[in-house]
Protein backbone atom coordinates (compact mmCIF):
# COMPACT_ATOMS: atom_id res chain seq x y z
CA MET A 1 201.23 -119.03 235.41
CA ALA A 2 200.17 -122.34 236.88
CA ASP A 3 197.50 -124.49 235.28
CA LEU A 4 194.20 -122.97 236.35
CA SER A 5 191.85 -125.31 234.49
CA LYS A 6 190.76 -127.07 237.69
CA LEU A 7 190.01 -123.72 239.33
CA ARG A 8 188.05 -122.58 236.28
CA ASN A 9 186.00 -125.78 236.36
CA LEU A 10 185.26 -125.43 240.09
CA TYR A 11 184.04 -121.85 239.71
CA TRP A 12 181.91 -122.88 236.75
CA GLN A 13 180.28 -125.52 238.98
CA ILE A 14 179.63 -122.89 241.65
CA ARG A 15 177.98 -120.57 239.13
CA TYR A 16 175.96 -123.44 237.62
CA HIS A 17 174.49 -125.02 240.75
CA ARG A 18 171.68 -123.39 242.70
CA ASN A 19 171.68 -125.78 245.65
CA LYS A 20 173.56 -124.10 248.52
CA SER A 21 174.99 -127.30 249.95
CA ILE A 22 176.49 -128.22 246.58
CA LYS A 23 177.92 -124.71 246.24
CA ARG A 24 179.52 -124.98 249.69
CA ARG A 25 181.11 -128.27 248.68
CA TYR A 26 182.67 -126.64 245.61
CA TYR A 27 183.85 -123.65 247.66
CA ARG A 28 185.70 -126.13 249.89
CA TYR A 29 187.31 -127.63 246.77
CA VAL A 30 188.28 -124.13 245.66
CA PHE A 31 189.85 -123.44 249.06
CA LYS A 32 191.99 -126.57 248.82
CA GLU A 33 192.99 -125.82 245.24
CA LYS A 34 193.97 -122.25 246.18
CA GLN A 35 196.09 -123.59 249.05
CA ARG A 36 197.80 -126.00 246.66
CA LEU A 37 198.54 -123.23 244.16
CA ILE A 38 199.91 -120.90 246.83
CA GLU A 39 202.18 -123.66 248.14
CA SER A 40 203.44 -124.22 244.60
CA GLY A 41 204.52 -120.57 244.38
CA VAL A 42 201.65 -118.70 242.74
CA ASP A 43 201.38 -115.01 243.64
CA HIS A 44 198.73 -114.49 246.36
CA GLU A 45 197.31 -111.26 244.97
CA GLU A 46 197.15 -112.51 241.39
CA LEU A 47 195.38 -115.66 242.54
CA ARG A 48 192.87 -113.59 244.51
CA LEU A 49 192.16 -111.43 241.46
CA ILE A 50 191.83 -114.47 239.19
CA CYS A 51 189.33 -116.06 241.56
CA ARG A 52 187.37 -112.83 241.65
CA VAL A 53 187.15 -112.84 237.85
CA LEU A 54 186.18 -116.52 237.73
CA ALA A 55 183.47 -116.11 240.36
CA ASN A 56 181.64 -113.50 238.29
CA ARG A 57 182.47 -113.64 234.59
CA ILE A 58 180.60 -110.44 233.70
CA ASN A 59 182.43 -108.26 236.23
CA VAL A 60 184.48 -106.03 233.93
CA HIS A 61 186.02 -104.16 236.86
CA ALA A 62 187.56 -107.36 238.23
CA GLU A 63 189.02 -108.18 234.82
CA LYS A 64 190.43 -104.66 234.54
CA ARG A 65 192.07 -104.90 237.97
CA LEU A 66 193.64 -108.23 237.03
CA GLU A 67 195.00 -106.80 233.77
CA ASP A 68 196.33 -103.73 235.59
CA TYR A 69 197.98 -105.88 238.25
CA ARG A 70 199.68 -108.08 235.65
CA LYS A 71 200.82 -105.03 233.67
CA ASN A 72 202.11 -103.26 236.77
CA ARG A 73 203.87 -106.41 237.98
CA SER A 74 205.68 -106.86 234.68
CA GLU A 75 206.83 -103.22 234.73
CA ASN A 76 208.02 -103.39 238.37
CA PRO A 77 209.27 -106.93 239.06
CA PRO A 78 209.59 -107.83 242.76
CA PHE A 79 212.99 -108.20 244.36
CA SER A 80 214.47 -111.69 244.40
């Protein structure tokens, strides 16, 4: 998996700040980072699930869906 430290940091900033204009700025940074990761070959669905987990760290259902997706993907690899 690609290095997600920048994405983790951006979502932490979004959760930390209360000012809506600052949050919007960080959401724009997240959008650009997601585009960069997709262009580098990261799986779209996995990236979406990761962002969902990072946006709300206490959402156990999002973490479960990400784990299930990764498990299911490793059992049934996509065609080349």
